[in-house]
PDB file of all heavy atoms in Angstrom:
ATOM      1  N   ALA A   1       0.831  -1.206   0.000  1.00  0.00           N
ATOM      2  CA  ALA A   1       0.000   0.000   0.000  1.00  0.00           C
ATOM      3  C   ALA A   1       0.864   1.253   0.000  1.00  0.00           C
ATOM      4  O   ALA A   1       0.599   2.205  -0.754  1.00  0.00           O
ATOM      5  CB  ALA A   1      -0.926  -0.015   1.215  1.00  0.00           C
ATOM      6  N   ASN A   2       1.903   1.276   0.813  1.00  0.00           N
ATOM      7  CA  ASN A   2       2.780   2.446   0.879  1.00  0.00           C
ATOM      8  C   ASN A   2       3.477   2.699  -0.458  1.00  0.00           C
ATOM      9  O   ASN A   2       3.541   3.839  -0.937  1.00  0.00           O
ATOM     10  CB  ASN A   2       3.817   2.263   1.980  1.00  0.00           C
ATOM     11  CG  ASN A   2       3.185   2.152   3.357  1.00  0.00           C
ATOM     12  OD1 ASN A   2       1.993   2.403   3.525  1.00  0.00           O
ATOM     13  ND2 ASN A   2       3.976   1.759   4.341  1.00  0.00           N
ATOM     14  N   ASP A   3       4.010   1.633  -1.055  1.00  0.00           N
ATOM     15  CA  ASP A   3       4.710   1.800  -2.329  1.00  0.00           C
ATOM     16  C   ASP A   3       3.749   2.225  -3.441  1.00  0.00           C
ATOM     17  O   ASP A   3       4.103   3.041  -4.304  1.00  0.00           O
ATOM     18  CB  ASP A   3       5.406   0.486  -2.718  1.00  0.00           C
ATOM     19  CG  ASP A   3       6.508   0.110  -1.738  1.00  0.00           C
ATOM     20  OD1 ASP A   3       6.985   1.007  -1.011  1.00  0.00           O
ATOM     21  OD2 ASP A   3       6.876  -1.083  -1.685  1.00  0.00           O
ATOM     22  N   THR A   4       2.540   1.688  -3.418  1.00  0.00           N
ATOM     23  CA  THR A   4       1.562   2.028  -4.456  1.00  0.00           C
ATOM     24  C   THR A   4       1.147   3.481  -4.355  1.00  0.00           C
ATOM     25  O   THR A   4       1.077   4.200  -5.366  1.00  0.00           O
ATOM     26  CB  THR A   4       0.325   1.122  -4.333  1.00  0.00           C
ATOM     27  OG1 THR A   4       0.722  -0.246  -4.440  1.00  0.00           O
ATOM     28  CG2 THR A   4      -0.679   1.440  -5.423  1.00  0.00           C
ATOM     29  N   ILE A   5       0.865   3.949  -3.134  1.00  0.00           N
ATOM     30  CA  ILE A   5       0.462   5.346  -2.948  1.00  0.00           C
ATOM     31  C   ILE A   5       1.581   6.294  -3.371  1.00  0.00           C
ATOM     32  O   ILE A   5       1.344   7.296  -4.057  1.00  0.00           O
ATOM     33  CB  ILE A   5       0.058   5.585  -1.479  1.00  0.00           C
ATOM     34  CG1 ILE A   5      -1.216   4.802  -1.142  1.00  0.00           C
ATOM     35  CG2 ILE A   5      -0.147   7.074  -1.209  1.00  0.00           C
ATOM     36  CD1 ILE A   5      -1.609   4.860   0.322  1.00  0.00           C
ATOM     37  N   ALA A   6       2.816   5.987  -2.994  1.00  0.00           N
ATOM     38  CA  ALA A   6       3.943   6.846  -3.350  1.00  0.00           C
ATOM     39  C   ALA A   6       4.139   6.907  -4.863  1.00  0.00           C
ATOM     40  O   ALA A   6       4.386   7.980  -5.437  1.00  0.00           O
ATOM     41  CB  ALA A   6       5.214   6.343  -2.666  1.00  0.00           C
ATOM     42  N   GLU A   7       4.011   5.760  -5.529  1.00  0.00           N
ATOM     43  CA  GLU A   7       4.217   5.735  -6.979  1.00  0.00           C
ATOM     44  C   GLU A   7       3.101   6.461  -7.714  1.00  0.00           C
ATOM     45  O   GLU A   7       3.347   7.225  -8.659  1.00  0.00           O
ATOM     46  CB  GLU A   7       4.303   4.282  -7.456  1.00  0.00           C
ATOM     47  CG  GLU A   7       4.531   4.142  -8.954  1.00  0.00           C
ATOM     48  CD  GLU A   7       4.575   2.687  -9.394  1.00  0.00           C
ATOM     49  OE1 GLU A   7       4.472   1.790  -8.519  1.00  0.00           O
ATOM     50  OE2 GLU A   7       4.707   2.457 -10.612  1.00  0.00           O
ATOM     51  N   GLU A   8       1.856   6.251  -7.274  1.00  0.00           N
ATOM     52  CA  GLU A   8       0.714   6.864  -7.956  1.00  0.00           C
ATOM     53  C   GLU A   8       0.711   8.381  -7.783  1.00  0.00           C
ATOM     54  O   GLU A   8       0.417   9.114  -8.735  1.00  0.00           O
ATOM     55  CB  GLU A   8      -0.592   6.266  -7.420  1.00  0.00           C
ATOM     56  CG  GLU A   8      -0.827   4.820  -7.808  1.00  0.00           C
ATOM     57  CD  GLU A   8      -1.023   4.643  -9.298  1.00  0.00           C
ATOM     58  OE1 GLU A   8      -1.553   5.575  -9.933  1.00  0.00           O
ATOM     59  OE2 GLU A   8      -0.651   3.581  -9.828  1.00  0.00           O
ATOM     60  N   ILE A   9       1.022   8.884  -6.588  1.00  0.00           N
ATOM     61  CA  ILE A   9       1.015  10.333  -6.385  1.00  0.00           C
ATOM     62  C   ILE A   9       2.164  10.982  -7.146  1.00  0.00           C
ATOM     63  O   ILE A   9       2.037  12.106  -7.656  1.00  0.00           O
ATOM     64  CB  ILE A   9       1.078  10.671  -4.880  1.00  0.00           C
ATOM     65  CG1 ILE A   9       0.773  12.160  -4.659  1.00  0.00           C
ATOM     66  CG2 ILE A   9       2.409  10.298  -4.279  1.00  0.00           C
ATOM     67  CD1 ILE A   9      -0.593  12.601  -5.069  1.00  0.00           C
ATOM     68  N   ARG A  10       3.269  10.268  -7.284  1.00  0.00           N
ATOM     69  CA  ARG A  10       4.392  10.798  -8.059  1.00  0.00           C
ATOM     70  C   ARG A  10       4.005  10.929  -9.536  1.00  0.00           C
ATOM     71  O   ARG A  10       4.280  11.963 -10.169  1.00  0.00           O
ATOM     72  CB  ARG A  10       5.606   9.877  -7.895  1.00  0.00           C
ATOM     73  CG  ARG A  10       6.906  10.471  -8.428  1.00  0.00           C
ATOM     74  CD  ARG A  10       8.051   9.477  -8.301  1.00  0.00           C
ATOM     75  NE  ARG A  10       8.210   8.998  -6.933  1.00  0.00           N
ATOM     76  CZ  ARG A  10       7.971   7.765  -6.523  1.00  0.00           C
ATOM     77  NH1 ARG A  10       7.557   6.853  -7.386  1.00  0.00           N
ATOM     78  NH2 ARG A  10       8.149   7.415  -5.261  1.00  0.00           N
ATOM     79  N   ASN A  11       3.354   9.926 -10.058  1.00  0.00           N
ATOM     80  CA  ASN A  11       2.924   9.986 -11.454  1.00  0.00           C
ATOM     81  C   ASN A  11       1.831  11.033 -11.664  1.00  0.00           C
ATOM     82  O   ASN A  11       1.812  11.731 -12.688  1.00  0.00           O
ATOM     83  CB  ASN A  11       2.426   8.617 -11.909  1.00  0.00           C
ATOM     84  CG  ASN A  11       3.509   7.558 -11.883  1.00  0.00           C
ATOM     85  OD1 ASN A  11       4.701   7.873 -11.988  1.00  0.00           O
ATOM     86  ND2 ASN A  11       3.120   6.307 -11.742  1.00  0.00           N
ATOM     87  N   LEU A  12       0.938  11.142 -10.691  1.00  0.00           N
ATOM     88  CA  LEU A  12      -0.170  12.089 -10.828  1.00  0.00           C
ATOM     89  C   LEU A  12       0.325  13.525 -10.838  1.00  0.00           C
ATOM     90  O   LEU A  12      -0.050  14.321 -11.704  1.00  0.00           O
ATOM     91  CB  LEU A  12      -1.169  11.870  -9.689  1.00  0.00           C
ATOM     92  CG  LEU A  12      -2.329  12.862  -9.614  1.00  0.00           C
ATOM     93  CD1 LEU A  12      -3.222  12.730 -10.845  1.00  0.00           C
ATOM     94  CD2 LEU A  12      -3.142  12.645  -8.340  1.00  0.00           C
ATOM     95  N   MET A  13       1.163  13.885  -9.862  1.00  0.00           N
ATOM     96  CA  MET A  13       1.614  15.271  -9.750  1.00  0.00           C
ATOM     97  C   MET A  13       2.503  15.682 -10.927  1.00  0.00           C
ATOM     98  O   MET A  13       2.548  16.859 -11.293  1.00  0.00           O
ATOM     99  CB  MET A  13       2.367  15.472  -8.434  1.00  0.00           C
ATOM    100  CG  MET A  13       1.523  15.201  -7.194  1.00  0.00           C
ATOM    101  SD  MET A  13      -0.016  16.158  -7.148  1.00  0.00           S
ATOM    102  CE  MET A  13       0.621  17.803  -6.898  1.00  0.00           C
ATOM    103  N   SER A  14       3.195  14.727 -11.529  1.00  0.00           N
ATOM    104  CA  SER A  14       4.040  15.062 -12.679  1.00  0.00           C
ATOM    105  C   SER A  14       3.235  15.274 -13.950  1.00  0.00           C
ATOM    106  O   SER A  14       3.732  15.890 -14.912  1.00  0.00           O
ATOM    107  CB  SER A  14       5.073  13.959 -12.902  1.00  0.00           C
ATOM    108  OG  SER A  14       4.430  12.723 -13.185  1.00  0.00           O
ATOM    109  N   ASN A  15       1.986  14.800 -13.975  1.00  0.00           N
ATOM    110  CA  ASN A  15       1.163  14.915 -15.178  1.00  0.00           C
ATOM    111  C   ASN A  15       0.083  15.984 -15.078  1.00  0.00           C
ATOM    112  O   ASN A  15      -0.617  16.240 -16.065  1.00  0.00           O
ATOM    113  CB  ASN A  15       0.494  13.569 -15.489  1.00  0.00           C
ATOM    114  CG  ASN A  15       1.502  12.489 -15.848  1.00  0.00           C
ATOM    115  OD1 ASN A  15       2.533  12.780 -16.454  1.00  0.00           O
ATOM    116  ND2 ASN A  15       1.213  11.249 -15.481  1.00  0.00           N
ATOM    117  N   ILE A  16      -0.094  16.597 -13.914  1.00  0.00           N
ATOM    118  CA  ILE A  16      -1.123  17.626 -13.753  1.00  0.00           C
ATOM    119  C   ILE A  16      -0.669  18.912 -14.433  1.00  0.00           C
ATOM    120  O   ILE A  16       0.441  19.389 -14.223  1.00  0.00           O
ATOM    121  CB  ILE A  16      -1.423  17.893 -12.263  1.00  0.00           C
ATOM    122  CG1 ILE A  16      -2.118  16.686 -11.633  1.00  0.00           C
ATOM    123  CG2 ILE A  16      -2.321  19.118 -12.110  1.00  0.00           C
ATOM    124  CD1 ILE A  16      -2.468  16.888 -10.178  1.00  0.00           C
ATOM    125  N   GLU A  17      -1.558  19.482 -15.249  1.00  0.00           N
ATOM    126  CA  GLU A  17      -1.299  20.762 -15.894  1.00  0.00           C
ATOM    127  C   GLU A  17      -2.435  21.714 -15.549  1.00  0.00           C
ATOM    128  O   GLU A  17      -3.597  21.439 -15.830  1.00  0.00           O
ATOM    129  CB  GLU A  17      -1.212  20.598 -17.419  1.00  0.00           C
ATOM    130  CG  GLU A  17      -0.042  19.733 -17.891  1.00  0.00           C
ATOM    131  CD  GLU A  17      -0.005  19.611 -19.402  1.00  0.00           C
ATOM    132  OE1 GLU A  17      -0.892  20.207 -20.047  1.00  0.00           O
ATOM    133  OE2 GLU A  17       0.880  18.909 -19.913  1.00  0.00           O
ATOM    134  N   VAL A  18      -2.094  22.817 -14.901  1.00  0.00           N
ATOM    135  CA  VAL A  18      -3.102  23.801 -14.520  1.00  0.00           C
ATOM    136  C   VAL A  18      -3.461  24.619 -15.752  1.00  0.00           C
ATOM    137  O   VAL A  18      -2.599  25.232 -16.384  1.00  0.00           O
ATOM    138  CB  VAL A  18      -2.579  24.717 -13.394  1.00  0.00           C
ATOM    139  CG1 VAL A  18      -3.645  25.736 -13.014  1.00  0.00           C
ATOM    140  CG2 VAL A  18      -2.175  23.886 -12.190  1.00  0.00           C
ATOM    141  N   ARG A  19      -4.751  24.631 -16.093  1.00  0.00           N
ATOM    142  CA  ARG A  19      -5.205  25.302 -17.308  1.00  0.00           C
ATOM    143  C   ARG A  19      -6.140  26.450 -16.940  1.00  0.00           C
ATOM    144  O   ARG A  19      -7.166  26.249 -16.300  1.00  0.00           O
ATOM    145  CB  ARG A  19      -5.942  24.319 -18.212  1.00  0.00           C
ATOM    146  CG  ARG A  19      -5.127  23.097 -18.603  1.00  0.00           C
ATOM    147  CD  ARG A  19      -5.989  22.064 -19.295  1.00  0.00           C
ATOM    148  NE  ARG A  19      -5.237  20.849 -19.594  1.00  0.00           N
ATOM    149  CZ  ARG A  19      -5.796  19.728 -20.041  1.00  0.00           C
ATOM    150  NH1 ARG A  19      -7.106  19.678 -20.243  1.00  0.00           N
ATOM    151  NH2 ARG A  19      -5.055  18.666 -20.283  1.00  0.00           N
ATOM    152  N   GLY A  20      -5.768  27.652 -17.353  1.00  0.00           N
ATOM    153  CA  GLY A  20      -6.630  28.814 -17.180  1.00  0.00           C
ATOM    154  C   GLY A  20      -6.984  29.074 -15.729  1.00  0.00           C
ATOM    155  O   GLY A  20      -6.131  29.046 -14.838  1.00  0.00           O
ATOM    156  N   ASN A  21      -8.289  29.312 -15.522  1.00  0.00           N
ATOM    157  CA  ASN A  21      -8.781  29.639 -14.184  1.00  0.00           C
ATOM    158  C   ASN A  21      -9.348  28.424 -13.454  1.00  0.00           C
ATOM    159  O   ASN A  21      -9.991  28.577 -12.411  1.00  0.00           O
ATOM    160  CB  ASN A  21      -9.870  30.722 -14.278  1.00  0.00           C
ATOM    161  CG  ASN A  21      -9.316  32.021 -14.841  1.00  0.00           C
ATOM    162  OD1 ASN A  21      -8.176  32.374 -14.579  1.00  0.00           O
ATOM    163  ND2 ASN A  21     -10.136  32.727 -15.623  1.00  0.00           N
ATOM    164  N   LEU A  22      -9.151  27.223 -13.985  1.00  0.00           N
ATOM    165  CA  LEU A  22      -9.678  26.016 -13.352  1.00  0.00           C
ATOM    166  C   LEU A  22      -8.740  25.597 -12.225  1.00  0.00           C
ATOM    167  O   LEU A  22      -7.907  24.711 -12.365  1.00  0.00           O
ATOM    168  CB  LEU A  22      -9.837  24.896 -14.380  1.00  0.00           C
ATOM    169  CG  LEU A  22     -10.755  25.203 -15.570  1.00  0.00           C
ATOM    170  CD1 LEU A  22     -10.762  24.044 -16.552  1.00  0.00           C
ATOM    171  CD2 LEU A  22     -12.167  25.502 -15.071  1.00  0.00           C
ATOM    172  N   THR A  23      -8.879  26.280 -11.095  1.00  0.00           N
ATOM    173  CA  THR A  23      -7.979  26.036  -9.969  1.00  0.00           C
ATOM    174  C   THR A  23      -8.687  25.456  -8.756  1.00  0.00           C
ATOM    175  O   THR A  23      -8.034  25.167  -7.750  1.00  0.00           O
ATOM    176  CB  THR A  23      -7.286  27.344  -9.560  1.00  0.00           C
ATOM    177  OG1 THR A  23      -8.286  28.321  -9.196  1.00  0.00           O
ATOM    178  CG2 THR A  23      -6.444  27.889 -10.699  1.00  0.00           C
ATOM    179  N   ASP A  24     -10.008  25.289  -8.802  1.00  0.00           N
ATOM    180  CA  ASP A  24     -10.748  24.748  -7.664  1.00  0.00           C
ATOM    181  C   ASP A  24     -10.594  23.228  -7.610  1.00  0.00           C
ATOM    182  O   ASP A  24     -10.595  22.552  -8.641  1.00  0.00           O
ATOM    183  CB  ASP A  24     -12.235  25.110  -7.754  1.00  0.00           C
ATOM    184  CG  ASP A  24     -12.471  26.610  -7.647  1.00  0.00           C
ATOM    185  OD1 ASP A  24     -11.677  27.267  -6.946  1.00  0.00           O
ATOM    186  OD2 ASP A  24     -13.418  27.111  -8.269  1.00  0.00           O
ATOM    187  N   THR A  25     -10.495  22.705  -6.394  1.00  0.00           N
ATOM    188  CA  THR A  25     -10.425  21.257  -6.210  1.00  0.00           C
ATOM    189  C   THR A  25     -11.792  20.640  -6.453  1.00  0.00           C
ATOM    190  O   THR A  25     -12.785  21.066  -5.857  1.00  0.00           O
ATOM    191  CB  THR A  25      -9.949  20.923  -4.795  1.00  0.00           C
ATOM    192  OG1 THR A  25      -8.686  21.540  -4.565  1.00  0.00           O
ATOM    193  CG2 THR A  25      -9.812  19.421  -4.613  1.00  0.00           C
ATOM    194  N   LEU A  26     -11.863  19.646  -7.304  1.00  0.00           N
ATOM    195  CA  LEU A  26     -13.137  18.989  -7.634  1.00  0.00           C
ATOM    196  C   LEU A  26     -13.453  17.930  -6.585  1.00  0.00           C
ATOM    197  O   LEU A  26     -13.458  16.725  -6.849  1.00  0.00           O
ATOM    198  CB  LEU A  26     -13.056  18.383  -9.033  1.00  0.00           C
ATOM    199  CG  LEU A  26     -12.712  19.369 -10.156  1.00  0.00           C
ATOM    200  CD1 LEU A  26     -12.636  18.655 -11.496  1.00  0.00           C
ATOM    201  CD2 LEU A  26     -13.721  20.499 -10.209  1.00  0.00           C
ATOM    202  N   LEU A  27     -13.728  18.405  -5.376  1.00  0.00           N
ATOM    203  CA  LEU A  27     -13.902  17.499  -4.247  1.00  0.00           C
ATOM    204  C   LEU A  27     -15.229  16.750  -4.304  1.00  0.00           C
ATOM    205  O   LEU A  27     -15.310  15.595  -3.876  1.00  0.00           O
ATOM    206  CB  LEU A  27     -13.800  18.291  -2.945  1.00  0.00           C
ATOM    207  CG  LEU A  27     -13.485  17.520  -1.674  1.00  0.00           C
ATOM    208  CD1 LEU A  27     -12.189  16.729  -1.827  1.00  0.00           C
ATOM    209  CD2 LEU A  27     -13.384  18.468  -0.489  1.00  0.00           C
ATOM    210  N   ALA A  28     -16.264  17.395  -4.824  1.00  0.00           N
ATOM    211  CA  ALA A  28     -17.558  16.720  -4.909  1.00  0.00           C
ATOM    212  C   ALA A  28     -17.484  15.499  -5.817  1.00  0.00           C
ATOM    213  O   ALA A  28     -18.067  14.447  -5.522  1.00  0.00           O
ATOM    214  CB  ALA A  28     -18.631  17.691  -5.405  1.00  0.00           C
ATOM    215  N   GLY A  29     -16.756  15.614  -6.924  1.00  0.00           N
ATOM    216  CA  GLY A  29     -16.595  14.460  -7.805  1.00  0.00           C
ATOM    217  C   GLY A  29     -15.806  13.341  -7.158  1.00  0.00           C
ATOM    218  O   GLY A  29     -16.087  12.156  -7.391  1.00  0.00           O
ATOM    219  N   SER A  30     -14.821  13.693  -6.336  1.00  0.00           N
ATOM    220  CA  SER A  30     -14.054  12.670  -5.626  1.00  0.00           C
ATOM    221  C   SER A  30     -14.930  11.946  -4.602  1.00  0.00           C
ATOM    222  O   SER A  30     -14.807  10.726  -4.427  1.00  0.00           O
ATOM    223  CB  SER A  30     -12.851  13.309  -4.933  1.00  0.00           C
ATOM    224  OG  SER A  30     -12.015  13.956  -5.875  1.00  0.00           O
ATOM    225  N   LEU A  31     -15.814  12.677  -3.938  1.00  0.00           N
ATOM    226  CA  LEU A  31     -16.736  12.033  -2.996  1.00  0.00           C
ATOM    227  C   LEU A  31     -17.700  11.106  -3.732  1.00  0.00           C
ATOM    228  O   LEU A  31     -18.028  10.022  -3.235  1.00  0.00           O
ATOM    229  CB  LEU A  31     -17.504  13.104  -2.221  1.00  0.00           C
ATOM    230  CG  LEU A  31     -16.704  13.909  -1.203  1.00  0.00           C
ATOM    231  CD1 LEU A  31     -17.536  15.057  -0.640  1.00  0.00           C
ATOM    232  CD2 LEU A  31     -16.234  13.017  -0.065  1.00  0.00           C
ATOM    233  N   ALA A  32     -18.145  11.524  -4.903  1.00  0.00           N
ATOM    234  CA  ALA A  32     -19.012  10.651  -5.698  1.00  0.00           C
ATOM    235  C   ALA A  32     -18.278   9.385  -6.123  1.00  0.00           C
ATOM    236  O   ALA A  32     -18.854   8.285  -6.112  1.00  0.00           O
ATOM    237  CB  ALA A  32     -19.531  11.418  -6.918  1.00  0.00           C
ATOM    238  N   LYS A  33     -17.014   9.520  -6.484  1.00  0.00           N
ATOM    239  CA  LYS A  33     -16.223   8.335  -6.846  1.00  0.00           C
ATOM    240  C   LYS A  33     -16.050   7.414  -5.642  1.00  0.00           C
ATOM    241  O   LYS A  33     -16.072   6.185  -5.786  1.00  0.00           O
ATOM    242  CB  LYS A  33     -14.865   8.767  -7.388  1.00  0.00           C
ATOM    243  CG  LYS A  33     -13.962   7.613  -7.802  1.00  0.00           C
ATOM    244  CD  LYS A  33     -12.697   8.103  -8.495  1.00  0.00           C
ATOM    245  CE  LYS A  33     -12.979   8.585  -9.899  1.00  0.00           C
ATOM    246  NZ  LYS A  33     -11.731   8.858 -10.656  1.00  0.00           N
ATOM    247  N   ALA A  34     -15.883   7.993  -4.452  1.00  0.00           N
ATOM    248  CA  ALA A  34     -15.775   7.184  -3.235  1.00  0.00           C
ATOM    249  C   ALA A  34     -17.059   6.402  -2.980  1.00  0.00           C
ATOM    250  O   ALA A  34     -17.017   5.219  -2.603  1.00  0.00           O
ATOM    251  CB  ALA A  34     -15.440   8.070  -2.043  1.00  0.00           C
ATOM    252  N   LEU A  35     -18.209   7.040  -3.199  1.00  0.00           N
ATOM    253  CA  LEU A  35     -19.483   6.333  -3.015  1.00  0.00           C
ATOM    254  C   LEU A  35     -19.636   5.199  -4.029  1.00  0.00           C
ATOM    255  O   LEU A  35     -20.151   4.123  -3.697  1.00  0.00           O
ATOM    256  CB  LEU A  35     -20.645   7.322  -3.145  1.00  0.00           C
ATOM    257  CG  LEU A  35     -20.803   8.356  -2.024  1.00  0.00           C
ATOM    258  CD1 LEU A  35     -21.988   9.265  -2.316  1.00  0.00           C
ATOM    259  CD2 LEU A  35     -20.981   7.678  -0.673  1.00  0.00           C
ATOM    260  N   CYS A  36     -19.208   5.439  -5.266  1.00  0.00           N
ATOM    261  CA  CYS A  36     -19.282   4.381  -6.275  1.00  0.00           C
ATOM    262  C   CYS A  36     -18.387   3.199  -5.901  1.00  0.00           C
ATOM    263  O   CYS A  36     -18.768   2.028  -6.094  1.00  0.00           O
ATOM    264  CB  CYS A  36     -18.884   4.941  -7.644  1.00  0.00           C
ATOM    265  SG  CYS A  36     -20.035   6.154  -8.324  1.00  0.00           S
ATOM    266  N   TYR A  37     -17.204   3.485  -5.371  1.00  0.00           N
ATOM    267  CA  TYR A  37     -16.301   2.406  -4.969  1.00  0.00           C
ATOM    268  C   TYR A  37     -16.901   1.610  -3.804  1.00  0.00           C
ATOM    269  O   TYR A  37     -16.821   0.380  -3.775  1.00  0.00           O
ATOM    270  CB  TYR A  37     -14.953   2.984  -4.576  1.00  0.00           C
ATOM    271  CG  TYR A  37     -13.965   1.942  -4.105  1.00  0.00           C
ATOM    272  CD1 TYR A  37     -13.308   1.109  -5.013  1.00  0.00           C
ATOM    273  CD2 TYR A  37     -13.695   1.764  -2.747  1.00  0.00           C
ATOM    274  CE1 TYR A  37     -12.408   0.152  -4.594  1.00  0.00           C
ATOM    275  CE2 TYR A  37     -12.793   0.803  -2.318  1.00  0.00           C
ATOM    276  CZ  TYR A  37     -12.156   0.002  -3.237  1.00  0.00           C
ATOM    277  OH  TYR A  37     -11.274  -0.967  -2.813  1.00  0.00           O
ATOM    278  N   ILE A  38     -17.503   2.318  -2.844  1.00  0.00           N
ATOM    279  CA  ILE A  38     -18.141   1.632  -1.718  1.00  0.00           C
ATOM    280  C   ILE A  38     -19.271   0.732  -2.211  1.00  0.00           C
ATOM    281  O   ILE A  38     -19.429  -0.408  -1.753  1.00  0.00           O
ATOM    282  CB  ILE A  38     -18.658   2.670  -0.706  1.00  0.00           C
ATOM    283  CG1 ILE A  38     -17.479   3.365  -0.017  1.00  0.00           C
ATOM    284  CG2 ILE A  38     -19.564   2.018   0.332  1.00  0.00           C
ATOM    285  CD1 ILE A  38     -17.893   4.529   0.869  1.00  0.00           C
ATOM    286  N   ASN A  39     -20.042   1.225  -3.160  1.00  0.00           N
ATOM    287  CA  ASN A  39     -21.134   0.424  -3.709  1.00  0.00           C
ATOM    288  C   ASN A  39     -20.608  -0.811  -4.428  1.00  0.00           C
ATOM    289  O   ASN A  39     -21.191  -1.898  -4.336  1.00  0.00           O
ATOM    290  CB  ASN A  39     -21.962   1.288  -4.659  1.00  0.00           C
ATOM    291  CG  ASN A  39     -23.178   0.564  -5.186  1.00  0.00           C
ATOM    292  OD1 ASN A  39     -24.064   0.156  -4.436  1.00  0.00           O
ATOM    293  ND2 ASN A  39     -23.239   0.393  -6.495  1.00  0.00           N
ATOM    294  N   ARG A  40     -19.480  -0.679  -5.126  1.00  0.00           N
ATOM    295  CA  ARG A  40     -18.898  -1.833  -5.828  1.00  0.00           C
ATOM    296  C   ARG A  40     -18.393  -2.876  -4.844  1.00  0.00           C
ATOM    297  O   ARG A  40     -18.590  -4.084  -5.035  1.00  0.00           O
ATOM    298  CB  ARG A  40     -17.757  -1.369  -6.729  1.00  0.00           C
ATOM    299  CG  ARG A  40     -17.311  -2.422  -7.721  1.00  0.00           C
ATOM    300  CD  ARG A  40     -16.093  -1.969  -8.482  1.00  0.00           C
ATOM    301  NE  ARG A  40     -14.878  -2.111  -7.684  1.00  0.00           N
ATOM    302  CZ  ARG A  40     -13.672  -1.770  -8.120  1.00  0.00           C
ATOM    303  NH1 ARG A  40     -13.518  -1.242  -9.315  1.00  0.00           N
ATOM    304  NH2 ARG A  40     -12.616  -1.937  -7.353  1.00  0.00           N
TER     305      ARG A  40
END
């Protein structure tokens, strides 16, 4: 779990590109994804 989290966050942060004014965290969508995972 530790190695997976470290590798995934490293890949994620290196690929994020901030575009224009889209700077808000899409937290509601992440909560919806969490509910879908719980349901699965």
